[in-house]
Amino acid sequence: MKISDKLQGVSRRDFFKVAGRYGLSSTVLGLGGLGGLVTLPNLAAAAESTYEKRFKKEARHTLKFGASGFNARNLMIERAGCLEFARDLEERTDGEIRVEFIGDNQICGQLSCVEKTQNGIVDIYAASTQNSAGGAPYLNVLDYAYVFPGRASQYHFLYSPESNAILRDPLEKRHGLKFLFSHCELRGLQMGASFADRPTVTKLEELFGTKNRVTGTQLGRIAMQLLNLNPVPVAWEETLDGLKTGLIDGAETWASAVGYANMSPVVTQSVDLRFFCGTEHTSMSAKVFDSLDGHLQDAVMESAYLAQVHVQAANEAALIKTVGFSDPVLPGTLFDEHGVRPAFLADDQIRMAEEMCAPEHNPEPWEQWRERLNKWAGGLDTYTELHRVARQVPADMKPENVEPRRWWKG
């Protein structure tokens, strides 16, 4: 069943009528647990059941979860784990913690969620680490070009206790954020109308000189400049129109983002360049986390672990069966529905790109940021350590085969 079909049985007006009675969070959490076509009666029943479970006793802590553009519909396209985390944390704490999930940019957006968490407006947020790097520059540490050979190496790193010294501890110390879990993909170029009539990209040089939208990451911009991809900052609300009209040739993001952000109708080719991280992560205010009793802190970490395991399995399946990021594209997927062609580059083309822009091969352009990140990490050589941990698993390992570990337990 296509994602666009799942909610056809419920109008927007009826959805908000149910939400008005049982609360938006209970409605969204209830919807997230339904399978197949949703009707108004089963949505209302799920919302009521969820509401009664959540409010059977008074919560000790109510945490606001700002989830940028996410809602129950597009969290079934990019499986970022937000609802699973919220639902499990409430159940695990037997209602001592209640999570108010506020998505659809209602309380914060991709660029603002991080700052609103730091300022105490929300307690938990979900957004890409790249867009969040504006408010928390240490998140740039994930964006060295080609430091991760594949999605398996990303998951392996996040599960590794070594991620604490390289990522989590400096982020918490410098920016007051506790990194909980993340979806893992690698960024490519999503080409718009100007590539509609061109053959599917097979050579790196076919991308040289194109004009491409860049997100908030400084390190990602360095990689794009070294690959002659002309990074230009374009507001998100202008990106879709720019791709449609040819004002920009492409945008750097990942495949499931094309699906969840409704880019599929204006993207013609999804080029699997894999040149740096696409990580839609969830972080929590460290101050809020530290204010919780020990058993509740343990619950937050266990729910984050469950969400990470869920994301690892669910997003790998959704990439192929929902988004259509495969060769051949499966029928009924978003890419099939909108005629998006995945372009999987051969190993020699990826190697060429890596030799052009990776710090290992071209260190000088990275030195200033590398020195800055190393200083923030207490003198750790961040690139070397990331590179080492990322290669503790085979480059061709299937992401779903990475062994989950509780990273905070060592």
Protein backbone atom coordinates (compact mmCIF):
# COMPACT_ATOMS: atom_id res chain seq x y z
CA MET A 1 0.00 0.00 0.00
CA LYS A 2 1.31 3.44 -0.93
CA ILE A 3 1.92 5.84 1.92
CA SER A 4 -0.38 8.36 0.26
CA ASP A 5 -3.19 5.79 0.45
CA LYS A 6 -2.90 4.95 4.15
CA LEU A 7 -4.79 7.99 5.43
CA GLN A 8 -7.26 8.32 2.58
CA GLY A 9 -10.03 7.11 4.87
CA VAL A 10 -9.55 10.09 7.22
CA SER A 11 -9.88 13.73 6.16
CA ARG A 12 -7.62 16.37 7.64
CA ARG A 13 -10.65 17.86 9.36
CA ASP A 14 -11.60 14.51 10.95
CA PHE A 15 -8.02 13.88 12.01
CA PHE A 16 -7.91 17.14 13.92
CA LYS A 17 -11.37 16.50 15.35
CA VAL A 18 -10.01 13.29 16.90
CA ALA A 19 -6.87 15.15 18.01
CA GLY A 20 -9.05 17.83 19.60
CA ARG A 21 -10.74 15.21 21.74
CA TYR A 22 -7.80 13.00 22.70
CA GLY A 23 -4.84 15.33 22.15
CA LEU A 24 -2.46 15.48 19.23
CA SER A 25 0.18 13.27 20.87
CA SER A 26 -2.28 10.48 21.70
CA THR A 27 -3.71 10.65 18.18
CA VAL A 28 -0.31 10.59 16.50
CA LEU A 29 0.99 7.81 18.75
CA GLY A 30 -2.18 5.82 18.17
CA LEU A 31 -1.94 6.30 14.42
CA GLY A 32 1.68 5.17 14.45
CA GLY A 33 0.58 1.78 15.79
CA LEU A 34 -2.05 1.13 13.11
CA GLY A 35 -1.40 -0.94 10.02
CA GLY A 36 -3.18 -0.90 6.67
CA LEU A 37 -5.79 1.65 5.60
CA VAL A 38 -6.79 3.95 8.44
CA THR A 39 -10.47 4.76 8.92
CA LEU A 40 -12.02 7.34 11.20
CA PRO A 41 -13.43 4.71 13.62
CA ASN A 42 -10.16 2.81 14.05
CA LEU A 43 -8.17 6.05 14.36
CA ALA A 44 -10.55 7.27 17.07
CA ALA A 45 -10.35 3.90 18.85
CA ALA A 46 -6.55 3.91 18.71
CA ALA A 47 -6.39 7.51 19.94
CA GLU A 48 -8.80 6.75 22.82
CA SER A 49 -6.90 3.63 23.85
CA THR A 50 -3.60 5.49 23.71
CA TYR A 51 -5.03 8.42 25.67
CA GLU A 52 -6.39 6.17 28.43
CA LYS A 53 -3.07 4.36 28.72
CA ARG A 54 -1.08 7.59 28.82
CA PHE A 55 -3.29 9.39 31.34
CA LYS A 56 -4.13 6.58 33.73
CA LYS A 57 -2.05 8.39 36.33
CA GLU A 58 -0.45 11.79 36.75
CA ALA A 59 2.97 12.13 35.14
CA ARG A 60 5.95 13.33 37.17
CA HIS A 61 7.59 14.79 34.08
CA THR A 62 6.04 15.99 30.82
CA LEU A 63 8.64 16.38 28.09
CA LYS A 64 8.02 18.40 24.92
CA PHE A 65 9.36 16.65 21.81
CA GLY A 66 9.78 19.02 18.87
CA ALA A 67 10.10 17.01 15.69
CA SER A 68 10.61 19.60 12.92
CA GLY A 69 8.73 18.44 9.80
CA PHE A 70 7.84 14.97 11.05
CA ASN A 71 4.35 13.57 11.53
CA ALA A 72 2.85 10.10 11.73
CA ARG A 73 2.49 9.98 7.94
CA ASN A 74 6.07 10.75 6.90
CA LEU A 75 7.61 8.85 9.80
CA MET A 76 6.38 5.79 7.90
CA ILE A 77 8.57 6.85 4.96
CA GLU A 78 11.77 7.79 6.79
CA ARG A 79 11.80 5.58 9.86
CA ALA A 80 13.51 7.97 12.28
CA GLY A 81 12.20 6.26 15.44
CA CYS A 82 10.61 9.32 17.08
CA LEU A 83 7.20 7.80 17.84
CA GLU A 84 8.69 4.46 18.90
CA PHE A 85 10.93 6.29 21.38
CA ALA A 86 8.07 8.35 22.82
CA ARG A 87 5.69 5.39 23.08
CA ASP A 88 8.28 3.11 24.69
CA LEU A 89 9.48 5.74 27.17
CA GLU A 90 5.93 6.31 28.43
CA GLU A 91 5.29 2.60 28.78
CA ARG A 92 8.70 1.83 30.27
CA THR A 93 8.24 4.46 32.99
CA ASP A 94 4.61 3.45 33.58
CA GLY A 95 3.52 6.99 32.85
CA GLU A 96 6.02 8.75 35.12
CA ILE A 97 7.31 10.42 31.95
CA ARG A 98 4.80 11.70 29.44
CA VAL A 99 6.02 12.84 26.01
CA GLU A 100 4.14 15.54 24.13
CA PHE A 101 5.07 14.97 20.49
CA ILE A 102 4.84 18.19 18.48
CA GLY A 103 5.71 17.66 14.82
CA ASP A 104 4.96 19.33 11.49
CA ASN A 105 7.17 22.34 12.32
CA GLN A 106 4.54 23.49 14.84
CA ILE A 107 7.03 24.34 17.56
CA CYS A 108 10.40 24.20 15.76
CA GLY A 109 11.91 23.50 12.36
CA GLN A 110 15.03 21.85 10.97
CA LEU A 111 17.18 24.89 11.69
CA SER A 112 15.58 26.00 14.97
CA CYS A 113 14.87 22.81 16.94
CA VAL A 114 18.40 22.60 18.30
CA GLU A 115 18.37 26.16 19.66
CA LYS A 116 14.88 25.80 21.12
CA THR A 117 16.10 22.72 22.99
CA GLN A 118 19.15 24.59 24.25
CA ASN A 119 16.88 27.44 25.36
CA GLY A 120 14.42 25.17 27.18
CA ILE A 121 11.44 25.71 24.87
CA VAL A 122 11.44 22.00 24.00
CA ASP A 123 13.11 19.16 25.89
CA ILE A 124 13.77 16.72 23.04
CA TYR A 125 14.12 17.37 19.33
CA ALA A 126 14.49 15.53 16.04
CA ALA A 127 16.21 17.12 13.04
CA SER A 128 19.19 16.37 10.84
CA THR A 129 22.58 16.81 12.46
CA GLN A 130 23.57 18.82 9.38
CA ASN A 131 20.81 21.40 9.81
CA SER A 132 21.38 21.39 13.56
CA ALA A 133 25.08 22.16 13.13
CA GLY A 134 24.25 25.87 12.95
CA GLY A 135 23.26 25.88 16.63
CA ALA A 136 25.58 23.05 17.68
CA PRO A 137 28.72 23.29 15.51
CA TYR A 138 30.31 20.20 17.03
CA LEU A 139 27.79 18.11 15.03
CA ASN A 140 30.01 18.90 12.02
CA VAL A 141 32.23 16.10 13.34
CA LEU A 142 30.03 13.56 11.52
CA ASP A 143 30.46 15.28 8.16
CA TYR A 144 34.05 14.59 7.12
CA ALA A 145 33.86 13.44 3.50
CA TYR A 146 33.89 9.67 3.02
CA VAL A 147 34.72 8.94 6.66
CA PHE A 148 31.88 6.38 6.58
CA PRO A 149 32.12 3.77 3.79
CA GLY A 150 28.45 2.78 4.12
CA ARG A 151 25.36 2.75 6.32
CA ALA A 152 26.64 -0.26 8.27
CA SER A 153 29.65 1.75 9.44
CA GLN A 154 27.36 4.55 10.59
CA TYR A 155 25.22 2.22 12.70
CA HIS A 156 28.33 0.48 14.03
CA PHE A 157 29.73 3.84 15.15
CA LEU A 158 26.52 4.91 16.90
CA TYR A 159 26.36 1.62 18.80
CA SER A 160 30.05 1.74 19.70
CA PRO A 161 31.13 2.88 23.19
CA GLU A 162 33.86 4.78 21.32
CA SER A 163 31.16 7.13 20.02
CA ASN A 164 30.99 8.64 23.50
CA ALA A 165 34.45 10.25 23.37
CA ILE A 166 34.24 11.11 19.66
CA LEU A 167 30.67 12.44 19.44
CA ARG A 168 28.40 12.30 22.45
CA ASP A 169 30.53 13.66 25.32
CA PRO A 170 31.88 16.74 23.46
CA LEU A 171 28.37 17.52 22.17
CA GLU A 172 26.97 17.36 25.68
CA LYS A 173 29.82 19.34 27.23
CA ARG A 174 29.92 22.08 24.61
CA HIS A 175 26.29 22.37 23.51
CA GLY A 176 24.23 20.89 26.35
CA LEU A 177 22.73 18.14 24.18
CA LYS A 178 22.47 14.43 24.87
CA PHE A 179 22.62 12.55 21.55
CA LEU A 180 20.13 9.69 21.82
CA PHE A 181 19.74 7.91 18.47
CA SER A 182 19.72 8.52 14.73
CA HIS A 183 18.61 7.25 11.39
CA CYS A 184 21.57 6.56 9.07
CA GLU A 185 21.94 7.30 5.39
CA LEU A 186 24.66 8.84 3.28
CA ARG A 187 24.04 11.96 1.27
CA GLY A 188 23.92 12.10 -2.48
CA LEU A 189 22.63 14.58 -5.03
CA GLN A 190 18.93 14.76 -5.80
CA MET A 191 18.69 16.18 -9.29
CA GLY A 192 15.76 18.22 -10.52
CA ALA A 193 14.21 19.18 -13.85
CA SER A 194 17.51 19.95 -15.56
CA PHE A 195 18.39 16.23 -15.39
CA ALA A 196 15.00 14.91 -16.49
CA ASP A 197 16.01 14.28 -20.10
CA ARG A 198 19.62 13.32 -19.40
CA PRO A 199 20.74 9.69 -19.24
CA THR A 200 21.01 8.26 -15.74
CA VAL A 201 24.27 9.51 -14.20
CA THR A 202 27.10 6.98 -14.30
CA LYS A 203 30.19 9.22 -14.18
CA LEU A 204 31.24 11.68 -11.49
CA GLU A 205 32.23 14.22 -14.12
CA GLU A 206 28.59 14.48 -15.25
CA LEU A 207 27.91 16.28 -11.97
CA PHE A 208 30.83 18.73 -12.18
CA GLY A 209 29.74 22.34 -12.45
CA THR A 210 26.14 21.73 -11.40
CA LYS A 211 24.54 24.12 -8.93
CA ASN A 212 23.31 22.39 -5.78
CA ARG A 213 21.55 23.37 -2.59
CA VAL A 214 23.60 22.79 0.59
CA THR A 215 22.35 22.41 4.17
CA GLY A 216 23.81 23.99 7.31
CA THR A 217 26.93 21.85 7.57
CA GLN A 218 30.27 23.59 7.08
CA LEU A 219 32.15 20.36 6.40
CA GLY A 220 29.59 19.27 3.82
CA ARG A 221 30.18 22.54 2.00
CA ILE A 222 33.92 21.85 1.87
CA ALA A 223 33.28 18.46 0.27
CA MET A 224 30.95 19.96 -2.32
CA GLN A 225 33.44 22.67 -3.24
CA LEU A 226 36.20 20.09 -3.70
CA LEU A 227 33.89 18.05 -5.97
CA ASN A 228 33.03 21.13 -8.08
CA LEU A 229 29.37 20.92 -7.05
CA ASN A 230 28.81 24.65 -6.45
CA PRO A 231 27.10 24.61 -3.03
CA VAL A 232 24.51 27.35 -2.66
CA PRO A 233 22.44 28.03 0.45
CA VAL A 234 18.79 27.97 -0.55
CA ALA A 235 15.91 28.26 1.91
CA TRP A 236 14.00 24.98 2.23
CA GLU A 237 10.74 26.55 1.11
CA GLU A 238 12.47 27.62 -2.12
CA THR A 239 14.26 24.31 -2.79
CA LEU A 240 11.36 22.41 -4.37
CA ASP A 241 10.55 25.27 -6.71
CA GLY A 242 14.22 25.65 -7.58
CA LEU A 243 14.47 21.97 -8.55
CA LYS A 244 11.23 22.14 -10.51
CA THR A 245 12.22 25.22 -12.53
CA GLY A 246 15.90 24.38 -12.97
CA LEU A 247 17.09 27.37 -10.94
CA ILE A 248 19.23 24.81 -9.13
CA ASP A 249 20.29 21.49 -10.62
CA GLY A 250 20.16 19.46 -7.44
CA ALA A 251 20.12 19.33 -3.67
CA GLU A 252 22.37 17.36 -1.37
CA THR A 253 20.30 15.12 0.85
CA TRP A 254 19.49 11.41 1.16
CA ALA A 255 16.98 9.14 -0.54
CA SER A 256 14.35 8.76 2.18
CA ALA A 257 14.38 12.54 2.75
CA VAL A 258 13.23 12.87 -0.86
CA GLY A 259 10.25 10.72 0.11
CA TYR A 260 9.33 12.15 3.49
CA ALA A 261 9.80 15.81 2.48
CA ASN A 262 7.59 15.42 -0.62
CA MET A 263 10.52 16.02 -3.00
CA SER A 264 9.71 12.98 -5.15
CA PRO A 265 7.52 14.92 -7.62
CA VAL A 266 10.38 17.32 -8.47
CA VAL A 267 13.39 14.96 -8.28
CA THR A 268 14.32 13.13 -11.47
CA GLN A 269 17.51 11.30 -10.43
CA SER A 270 18.76 10.28 -6.98
CA VAL A 271 22.54 10.00 -7.30
CA ASP A 272 24.09 7.75 -4.65
CA LEU A 273 27.26 9.79 -4.12
CA ARG A 274 27.54 8.75 -0.44
CA PHE A 275 29.92 11.61 0.28
CA PHE A 276 28.93 12.47 3.84
CA CYS A 277 26.39 11.75 6.56
CA GLY A 278 22.65 12.07 6.35
CA THR A 279 21.64 11.58 9.97
CA GLU A 280 18.16 12.51 11.17
CA HIS A 281 18.90 12.32 14.87
CA THR A 282 17.09 12.79 18.16
CA SER A 283 18.78 14.62 21.02
CA MET A 284 17.65 15.70 24.46
CA SER A 285 18.50 18.63 26.67
CA ALA A 286 21.32 17.40 28.93
CA LYS A 287 20.00 19.67 31.68
CA VAL A 288 16.58 18.00 31.52
CA PHE A 289 18.14 14.52 31.41
CA ASP A 290 20.29 15.31 34.47
CA SER A 291 17.20 16.49 36.38
CA LEU A 292 15.59 13.04 36.14
CA ASP A 293 15.91 10.39 38.83
CA GLY A 294 18.39 7.65 38.07
CA HIS A 295 15.80 5.03 37.14
CA LEU A 296 14.19 7.47 34.70
CA GLN A 297 17.56 8.29 33.15
CA ASP A 298 18.05 4.55 32.67
CA ALA A 299 14.64 4.37 31.01
CA VAL A 300 15.51 7.19 28.58
CA MET A 301 18.66 5.36 27.52
CA GLU A 302 16.89 2.01 27.13
CA SER A 303 14.14 3.63 25.05
CA ALA A 304 16.80 5.34 22.93
CA TYR A 305 18.45 1.94 22.42
CA LEU A 306 15.13 0.38 21.40
CA ALA A 307 14.52 3.26 18.97
CA GLN A 308 17.99 2.84 17.47
CA VAL A 309 17.41 -0.89 16.90
CA HIS A 310 14.00 -0.14 15.38
CA VAL A 311 15.44 2.48 13.02
CA GLN A 312 18.24 0.18 11.89
CA ALA A 313 15.81 -2.50 10.74
CA ALA A 314 12.82 -0.42 9.69
CA ASN A 315 14.59 2.24 7.64
CA GLU A 316 16.60 -0.34 5.72
CA ALA A 317 13.34 -2.00 4.69
CA ALA A 318 11.58 1.31 3.97
CA LEU A 319 14.41 2.51 1.72
CA ILE A 320 13.66 -0.28 -0.72
CA LYS A 321 9.98 -1.08 -0.16
CA THR A 322 8.57 2.38 0.53
CA VAL A 323 10.99 4.88 -1.01
CA GLY A 324 12.18 2.75 -3.93
CA PHE A 325 15.92 3.33 -3.57
CA SER A 326 16.97 0.18 -5.41
CA ASP A 327 17.81 -1.17 -8.85
CA PRO A 328 15.33 -2.04 -10.16
CA VAL A 329 12.89 0.27 -8.40
CA LEU A 330 10.09 -1.76 -6.84
CA PRO A 331 6.55 -1.08 -8.11
CA GLY A 332 4.29 0.94 -5.84
CA THR A 333 7.14 2.83 -4.20
CA LEU A 334 7.43 6.62 -4.15
CA PHE A 335 10.27 6.59 -6.69
CA ASP A 336 8.20 4.35 -8.97
CA GLU A 337 5.13 6.55 -8.57
CA HIS A 338 7.02 9.73 -9.49
CA GLY A 339 9.57 8.36 -11.95
CA VAL A 340 12.66 9.04 -9.84
CA ARG A 341 15.70 7.14 -11.16
CA PRO A 342 18.27 5.99 -8.58
CA ALA A 343 21.81 6.38 -9.95
CA PHE A 344 24.19 3.99 -8.19
CA LEU A 345 27.75 4.94 -9.11
CA ALA A 346 30.38 2.26 -9.71
CA ASP A 347 33.15 1.75 -7.17
CA ASP A 348 35.75 3.49 -9.33
CA GLN A 349 33.59 6.64 -9.44
CA ILE A 350 33.15 6.66 -5.65
CA ARG A 351 36.90 6.13 -5.27
CA MET A 352 37.55 9.08 -7.58
CA ALA A 353 35.28 11.30 -5.50
CA GLU A 354 36.94 10.12 -2.29
CA GLU A 355 40.40 10.90 -3.65
CA MET A 356 39.23 14.39 -4.64
CA CYS A 357 37.75 15.44 -1.32
CA ALA A 358 38.40 13.10 1.64
CA PRO A 359 40.75 14.50 4.33
CA GLU A 360 42.85 11.35 3.98
CA HIS A 361 43.74 12.31 0.40
CA ASN A 362 43.30 16.10 0.42
CA PRO A 363 43.96 17.28 4.00
CA GLU A 364 44.62 21.01 3.57
CA PRO A 365 41.03 22.28 3.04
CA TRP A 366 39.92 20.48 6.20
CA GLU A 367 42.69 21.61 8.54
CA GLN A 368 40.97 24.61 10.12
CA TRP A 369 37.77 22.76 10.96
CA ARG A 370 39.62 19.60 11.95
CA GLU A 371 41.75 21.56 14.41
CA ARG A 372 38.66 23.26 15.82
CA LEU A 373 36.77 19.97 16.29
CA ASN A 374 39.83 18.30 17.81
CA LYS A 375 40.11 21.12 20.35
CA TRP A 376 36.44 20.80 21.27
CA ALA A 377 36.97 17.04 21.70
CA GLY A 378 39.75 17.60 24.24
CA GLY A 379 42.61 17.05 21.82
CA LEU A 380 41.27 13.86 20.24
CA ASP A 381 42.06 13.48 16.53
CA THR A 382 38.42 13.30 15.51
CA TYR A 383 38.88 12.35 11.86
CA THR A 384 41.43 9.61 12.56
CA GLU A 385 39.31 8.12 15.33
CA LEU A 386 36.09 8.25 13.31
CA HIS A 387 37.84 6.73 10.31
CA ARG A 388 39.22 3.90 12.47
CA VAL A 389 35.93 3.01 14.18
CA ALA A 390 33.99 3.21 10.90
CA ARG A 391 36.28 0.55 9.43
CA GLN A 392 35.85 -1.96 12.22
CA VAL A 393 33.12 -3.55 10.07
CA PRO A 394 33.47 -4.58 6.39
CA ALA A 395 32.70 -1.82 3.89
CA ASP A 396 30.15 -4.05 2.13
CA MET A 397 28.40 -5.23 5.31
CA LYS A 398 24.62 -5.09 5.17
CA PRO A 399 23.40 -2.40 7.59
CA GLU A 400 20.75 -4.66 9.08
CA ASN A 401 23.50 -7.09 10.16
CA VAL A 402 25.30 -4.66 12.47
CA GLU A 403 25.21 -5.92 16.05
CA PRO A 404 23.30 -3.56 18.37
CA ARG A 405 25.14 -2.53 21.56
CA ARG A 406 24.29 -0.32 24.50
CA TRP A 407 26.90 2.33 23.78
CA TRP A 408 26.76 3.95 27.24
CA LYS A 409 27.66 0.71 29.04
CA GLY A 410 31.12 0.33 27.52
